[in-house]
Amino acid sequence: RGAPARPAGAAPAKASRSTPNRQRHDHAAGEPAATRAAARYLVELGAYRERHAADAAQREVARRFPEARVTEPDAGDTYRVQLGPYAARRSAEARAQVLERLGYAASVVPAP
């Protein structure tokens, strides 16, 4: 009884380090990689006419949230500082609440 005998000189089997059924997370976005394709929400921290102002805001936020980025101007020539994308609105709202507690004006917007 007990463990089956192994041949003389055989090394014991090593335990597997893999964890099956675990989704890989994209830590920059805070969402599982599988949900990034279905991302529907962003957290917006500001909209700026001047690129240098958007870059300054992004650098400040990126100290705590490295995923912060500046988008290229839209039709209205506006640079936006955003985090995300997030698949679930609830996830985006939770991030916005953290940012607001830190003193940032954050809003959840639909992803393009």
N, C-alpha and C. Protein backbone atom coordinates (compact mmCIF):
# COMPACT_ATOMS: atom_id res chain seq x y z
N ARG A 1 0.83 -1.18 0.00
CA ARG A 1 0.00 0.00 0.00
C ARG A 1 0.86 1.24 0.00
N GLY A 2 0.34 2.33 -0.42
CA GLY A 2 1.12 3.56 -0.51
C GLY A 2 1.46 3.84 -1.96
N ALA A 3 2.53 4.59 -2.15
CA ALA A 3 2.93 4.99 -3.50
C ALA A 3 3.50 3.81 -4.26
N PRO A 4 3.25 3.76 -5.57
CA PRO A 4 3.82 2.67 -6.36
C PRO A 4 5.34 2.77 -6.35
N ALA A 5 5.99 1.62 -6.41
CA ALA A 5 7.46 1.59 -6.42
C ALA A 5 7.95 2.16 -7.73
N ARG A 6 9.08 2.85 -7.67
CA ARG A 6 9.67 3.36 -8.90
C ARG A 6 10.98 2.61 -9.14
N PRO A 7 11.41 2.53 -10.37
CA PRO A 7 12.63 1.79 -10.67
C PRO A 7 13.82 2.39 -9.92
N ALA A 8 14.77 1.55 -9.59
CA ALA A 8 15.96 2.01 -8.88
C ALA A 8 16.66 3.07 -9.70
N GLY A 9 17.08 4.13 -9.04
CA GLY A 9 17.80 5.21 -9.70
C GLY A 9 16.90 6.24 -10.36
N ALA A 10 15.60 6.02 -10.40
CA ALA A 10 14.69 6.97 -11.04
C ALA A 10 14.44 8.13 -10.09
N ALA A 11 14.45 9.31 -10.62
CA ALA A 11 14.20 10.50 -9.82
C ALA A 11 12.71 10.62 -9.56
N PRO A 12 12.33 11.15 -8.39
CA PRO A 12 10.91 11.36 -8.14
C PRO A 12 10.34 12.37 -9.13
N ALA A 13 9.09 12.21 -9.44
CA ALA A 13 8.43 13.13 -10.38
C ALA A 13 8.32 14.51 -9.73
N LYS A 14 8.56 15.55 -10.54
CA LYS A 14 8.44 16.92 -10.05
C LYS A 14 6.99 17.36 -10.13
N ALA A 15 6.59 18.14 -9.15
CA ALA A 15 5.23 18.68 -9.16
C ALA A 15 5.13 19.70 -10.28
N SER A 16 4.01 19.71 -10.93
CA SER A 16 3.77 20.66 -12.00
C SER A 16 3.54 22.04 -11.43
N ARG A 17 4.14 23.03 -12.06
CA ARG A 17 3.96 24.42 -11.61
C ARG A 17 2.88 25.13 -12.39
N SER A 18 2.37 24.50 -13.41
CA SER A 18 1.33 25.17 -14.20
C SER A 18 0.01 25.11 -13.46
N THR A 19 -0.77 26.13 -13.69
CA THR A 19 -2.09 26.20 -13.08
C THR A 19 -3.10 26.18 -14.21
N PRO A 20 -3.76 25.05 -14.43
CA PRO A 20 -4.71 24.98 -15.54
C PRO A 20 -5.92 25.89 -15.31
N ASN A 21 -6.57 26.26 -16.40
CA ASN A 21 -7.81 27.05 -16.37
C ASN A 21 -7.62 28.42 -15.74
N ARG A 22 -6.45 28.96 -15.81
CA ARG A 22 -6.23 30.29 -15.26
C ARG A 22 -6.03 31.25 -16.42
N GLN A 23 -6.81 32.32 -16.46
CA GLN A 23 -6.68 33.29 -17.54
C GLN A 23 -5.48 34.17 -17.28
N ARG A 24 -4.77 34.51 -18.38
CA ARG A 24 -3.66 35.44 -18.28
C ARG A 24 -4.25 36.83 -18.14
N HIS A 25 -3.68 37.61 -17.21
CA HIS A 25 -4.17 38.98 -17.01
C HIS A 25 -3.24 39.96 -17.67
N ASP A 26 -3.79 40.95 -18.28
CA ASP A 26 -3.03 42.08 -18.80
C ASP A 26 -3.04 43.11 -17.68
N HIS A 27 -1.93 43.17 -16.95
CA HIS A 27 -1.91 44.00 -15.76
C HIS A 27 -2.00 45.49 -16.08
N ALA A 28 -1.58 45.87 -17.25
CA ALA A 28 -1.67 47.28 -17.59
C ALA A 28 -3.10 47.74 -17.67
N ALA A 29 -3.96 46.95 -18.19
CA ALA A 29 -5.35 47.32 -18.32
C ALA A 29 -6.20 46.87 -17.19
N GLY A 30 -5.70 45.92 -16.40
CA GLY A 30 -6.48 45.43 -15.28
C GLY A 30 -7.59 44.48 -15.65
N GLU A 31 -7.59 43.94 -16.85
CA GLU A 31 -8.63 43.03 -17.30
C GLU A 31 -7.97 41.77 -17.86
N PRO A 32 -8.64 40.62 -17.78
CA PRO A 32 -8.11 39.41 -18.42
C PRO A 32 -7.91 39.65 -19.91
N ALA A 33 -6.85 39.05 -20.46
CA ALA A 33 -6.54 39.24 -21.88
C ALA A 33 -7.71 38.85 -22.76
N ALA A 34 -8.45 37.83 -22.38
CA ALA A 34 -9.58 37.37 -23.18
C ALA A 34 -10.67 38.42 -23.30
N THR A 35 -10.77 39.32 -22.33
CA THR A 35 -11.84 40.32 -22.37
C THR A 35 -11.42 41.62 -23.04
N ARG A 36 -10.12 41.79 -23.32
CA ARG A 36 -9.67 43.05 -23.95
C ARG A 36 -10.32 43.26 -25.30
N ALA A 37 -10.55 42.19 -26.05
CA ALA A 37 -11.17 42.32 -27.35
C ALA A 37 -12.59 42.85 -27.22
N ALA A 38 -13.24 42.59 -26.11
CA ALA A 38 -14.61 43.03 -25.89
C ALA A 38 -14.67 44.30 -25.04
N ALA A 39 -13.54 44.98 -24.89
CA ALA A 39 -13.48 46.17 -24.04
C ALA A 39 -14.45 47.23 -24.54
N ARG A 40 -15.21 47.77 -23.60
CA ARG A 40 -16.25 48.73 -23.98
C ARG A 40 -16.16 50.05 -23.25
N TYR A 41 -15.27 50.17 -22.25
CA TYR A 41 -15.25 51.39 -21.44
C TYR A 41 -13.82 51.86 -21.19
N LEU A 42 -13.69 53.18 -21.06
CA LEU A 42 -12.44 53.82 -20.71
C LEU A 42 -12.69 54.73 -19.53
N VAL A 43 -11.64 55.04 -18.79
CA VAL A 43 -11.72 56.06 -17.75
C VAL A 43 -10.97 57.27 -18.29
N GLU A 44 -11.67 58.39 -18.39
CA GLU A 44 -11.07 59.60 -18.93
C GLU A 44 -10.77 60.57 -17.80
N LEU A 45 -9.56 61.12 -17.84
CA LEU A 45 -9.11 62.03 -16.79
C LEU A 45 -9.03 63.47 -17.25
N GLY A 46 -9.11 63.69 -18.52
CA GLY A 46 -9.07 65.07 -19.00
C GLY A 46 -8.99 65.13 -20.50
N ALA A 47 -9.37 66.28 -21.04
CA ALA A 47 -9.31 66.56 -22.47
C ALA A 47 -8.60 67.91 -22.62
N TYR A 48 -7.60 67.94 -23.50
CA TYR A 48 -6.72 69.10 -23.62
C TYR A 48 -6.55 69.51 -25.08
N ARG A 49 -6.50 70.80 -25.32
CA ARG A 49 -6.24 71.32 -26.67
C ARG A 49 -4.75 71.25 -27.00
N GLU A 50 -3.92 71.38 -25.99
CA GLU A 50 -2.47 71.41 -26.18
C GLU A 50 -1.86 70.06 -25.80
N ARG A 51 -1.04 69.52 -26.68
CA ARG A 51 -0.42 68.22 -26.42
C ARG A 51 0.45 68.26 -25.16
N HIS A 52 1.18 69.34 -24.96
CA HIS A 52 2.07 69.42 -23.79
C HIS A 52 1.29 69.36 -22.48
N ALA A 53 0.09 69.91 -22.45
CA ALA A 53 -0.74 69.86 -21.25
C ALA A 53 -1.23 68.43 -21.01
N ALA A 54 -1.63 67.73 -22.07
CA ALA A 54 -2.07 66.34 -21.94
C ALA A 54 -0.91 65.45 -21.50
N ASP A 55 0.27 65.69 -22.07
CA ASP A 55 1.45 64.90 -21.69
C ASP A 55 1.81 65.11 -20.22
N ALA A 56 1.71 66.34 -19.75
CA ALA A 56 2.02 66.63 -18.34
C ALA A 56 1.03 65.92 -17.42
N ALA A 57 -0.25 65.95 -17.77
CA ALA A 57 -1.26 65.26 -16.96
C ALA A 57 -1.03 63.75 -16.98
N GLN A 58 -0.69 63.21 -18.15
CA GLN A 58 -0.44 61.77 -18.27
C GLN A 58 0.75 61.37 -17.41
N ARG A 59 1.84 62.14 -17.43
CA ARG A 59 3.02 61.82 -16.62
C ARG A 59 2.69 61.80 -15.13
N GLU A 60 1.89 62.75 -14.69
CA GLU A 60 1.50 62.81 -13.28
C GLU A 60 0.69 61.58 -12.88
N VAL A 61 -0.30 61.23 -13.68
CA VAL A 61 -1.16 60.07 -13.38
C VAL A 61 -0.37 58.77 -13.50
N ALA A 62 0.55 58.70 -14.47
CA ALA A 62 1.30 57.48 -14.73
C ALA A 62 2.23 57.10 -13.57
N ARG A 63 2.50 58.02 -12.67
CA ARG A 63 3.29 57.65 -11.48
C ARG A 63 2.60 56.57 -10.67
N ARG A 64 1.29 56.63 -10.63
CA ARG A 64 0.50 55.63 -9.90
C ARG A 64 -0.16 54.62 -10.81
N PHE A 65 -0.49 55.04 -12.02
CA PHE A 65 -1.20 54.19 -12.98
C PHE A 65 -0.45 54.21 -14.31
N PRO A 66 0.55 53.33 -14.46
CA PRO A 66 1.40 53.36 -15.66
C PRO A 66 0.65 53.15 -16.97
N GLU A 67 -0.56 52.63 -16.90
CA GLU A 67 -1.32 52.39 -18.13
C GLU A 67 -1.95 53.67 -18.69
N ALA A 68 -1.82 54.80 -17.99
CA ALA A 68 -2.38 56.06 -18.48
C ALA A 68 -1.74 56.42 -19.81
N ARG A 69 -2.55 56.90 -20.73
CA ARG A 69 -2.03 57.26 -22.06
C ARG A 69 -2.76 58.48 -22.60
N VAL A 70 -2.12 59.10 -23.57
CA VAL A 70 -2.71 60.24 -24.28
C VAL A 70 -3.16 59.74 -25.63
N THR A 71 -4.42 60.02 -25.97
CA THR A 71 -4.93 59.62 -27.29
C THR A 71 -4.57 60.70 -28.31
N GLU A 72 -4.52 60.30 -29.55
CA GLU A 72 -4.32 61.27 -30.63
C GLU A 72 -5.58 62.12 -30.76
N PRO A 73 -5.44 63.30 -31.29
CA PRO A 73 -6.60 64.20 -31.38
C PRO A 73 -7.74 63.60 -32.18
N ASP A 74 -8.94 63.87 -31.70
CA ASP A 74 -10.13 63.44 -32.42
C ASP A 74 -10.52 64.56 -33.39
N ALA A 75 -11.70 64.51 -33.92
CA ALA A 75 -12.16 65.51 -34.88
C ALA A 75 -12.13 66.92 -34.29
N GLY A 76 -12.26 67.02 -32.97
CA GLY A 76 -12.26 68.33 -32.33
C GLY A 76 -10.89 68.80 -31.89
N ASP A 77 -9.82 68.14 -32.38
CA ASP A 77 -8.44 68.49 -32.02
C ASP A 77 -8.21 68.45 -30.52
N THR A 78 -8.75 67.41 -29.88
CA THR A 78 -8.64 67.29 -28.43
C THR A 78 -7.81 66.05 -28.08
N TYR A 79 -6.79 66.27 -27.24
CA TYR A 79 -6.00 65.16 -26.71
C TYR A 79 -6.64 64.72 -25.41
N ARG A 80 -6.82 63.41 -25.24
CA ARG A 80 -7.48 62.90 -24.04
C ARG A 80 -6.52 62.01 -23.25
N VAL A 81 -6.58 62.14 -21.92
CA VAL A 81 -5.81 61.27 -21.03
C VAL A 81 -6.77 60.20 -20.53
N GLN A 82 -6.43 58.93 -20.81
CA GLN A 82 -7.35 57.84 -20.51
C GLN A 82 -6.62 56.64 -19.92
N LEU A 83 -7.39 55.82 -19.20
CA LEU A 83 -6.96 54.52 -18.71
C LEU A 83 -7.93 53.50 -19.25
N GLY A 84 -7.47 52.29 -19.41
CA GLY A 84 -8.34 51.22 -19.89
C GLY A 84 -7.79 50.64 -21.16
N PRO A 85 -8.55 49.89 -21.85
CA PRO A 85 -9.99 49.70 -21.78
C PRO A 85 -10.41 48.65 -20.76
N TYR A 86 -11.67 48.68 -20.40
CA TYR A 86 -12.27 47.74 -19.46
C TYR A 86 -13.48 47.09 -20.13
N ALA A 87 -13.63 45.80 -19.95
CA ALA A 87 -14.77 45.08 -20.55
C ALA A 87 -16.06 45.40 -19.80
N ALA A 88 -15.96 45.56 -18.50
CA ALA A 88 -17.16 45.79 -17.68
C ALA A 88 -17.20 47.23 -17.18
N ARG A 89 -18.35 47.83 -17.28
CA ARG A 89 -18.51 49.20 -16.77
C ARG A 89 -18.16 49.26 -15.29
N ARG A 90 -18.52 48.23 -14.55
CA ARG A 90 -18.24 48.18 -13.11
C ARG A 90 -16.74 48.30 -12.83
N SER A 91 -15.91 47.64 -13.65
CA SER A 91 -14.46 47.73 -13.49
C SER A 91 -13.96 49.15 -13.75
N ALA A 92 -14.48 49.77 -14.80
CA ALA A 92 -14.09 51.15 -15.11
C ALA A 92 -14.54 52.11 -14.01
N GLU A 93 -15.75 51.91 -13.49
CA GLU A 93 -16.25 52.77 -12.41
C GLU A 93 -15.41 52.61 -11.14
N ALA A 94 -14.98 51.39 -10.85
CA ALA A 94 -14.15 51.16 -9.67
C ALA A 94 -12.82 51.90 -9.81
N ARG A 95 -12.21 51.87 -11.00
CA ARG A 95 -10.96 52.59 -11.23
C ARG A 95 -11.19 54.09 -11.12
N ALA A 96 -12.29 54.58 -11.66
CA ALA A 96 -12.61 56.01 -11.58
C ALA A 96 -12.78 56.45 -10.13
N GLN A 97 -13.40 55.61 -9.30
CA GLN A 97 -13.57 55.96 -7.88
C GLN A 97 -12.22 56.06 -7.18
N VAL A 98 -11.30 55.16 -7.50
CA VAL A 98 -9.96 55.23 -6.91
C VAL A 98 -9.29 56.54 -7.31
N LEU A 99 -9.39 56.88 -8.57
CA LEU A 99 -8.79 58.13 -9.05
C LEU A 99 -9.41 59.35 -8.40
N GLU A 100 -10.73 59.34 -8.23
CA GLU A 100 -11.40 60.47 -7.58
C GLU A 100 -10.98 60.61 -6.13
N ARG A 101 -10.79 59.49 -5.42
CA ARG A 101 -10.30 59.57 -4.04
C ARG A 101 -8.90 60.17 -3.97
N LEU A 102 -8.14 60.03 -5.07
CA LEU A 102 -6.80 60.61 -5.13
C LEU A 102 -6.80 62.05 -5.62
N GLY A 103 -8.01 62.58 -5.91
CA GLY A 103 -8.12 63.98 -6.29
C GLY A 103 -8.24 64.25 -7.78
N TYR A 104 -8.39 63.23 -8.58
CA TYR A 104 -8.53 63.42 -10.02
C TYR A 104 -10.01 63.45 -10.39
N ALA A 105 -10.35 64.24 -11.40
CA ALA A 105 -11.70 64.23 -11.95
C ALA A 105 -11.73 63.14 -13.01
N ALA A 106 -12.41 62.05 -12.72
CA ALA A 106 -12.43 60.91 -13.65
C ALA A 106 -13.85 60.60 -14.06
N SER A 107 -14.03 60.21 -15.31
CA SER A 107 -15.35 59.80 -15.78
C SER A 107 -15.21 58.57 -16.65
N VAL A 108 -16.25 57.76 -16.67
CA VAL A 108 -16.28 56.56 -17.50
C VAL A 108 -16.93 56.93 -18.83
N VAL A 109 -16.25 56.56 -19.92
CA VAL A 109 -16.75 56.87 -21.26
C VAL A 109 -16.73 55.58 -22.10
N PRO A 110 -17.59 55.50 -23.11
CA PRO A 110 -17.57 54.33 -23.98
C PRO A 110 -16.29 54.29 -24.80
N ALA A 111 -15.75 53.09 -25.00
CA ALA A 111 -14.57 52.93 -25.87
C ALA A 111 -15.01 53.07 -27.32
N PRO A 112 -14.15 53.61 -28.14
CA PRO A 112 -14.51 53.75 -29.57
C PRO A 112 -14.64 52.42 -30.27
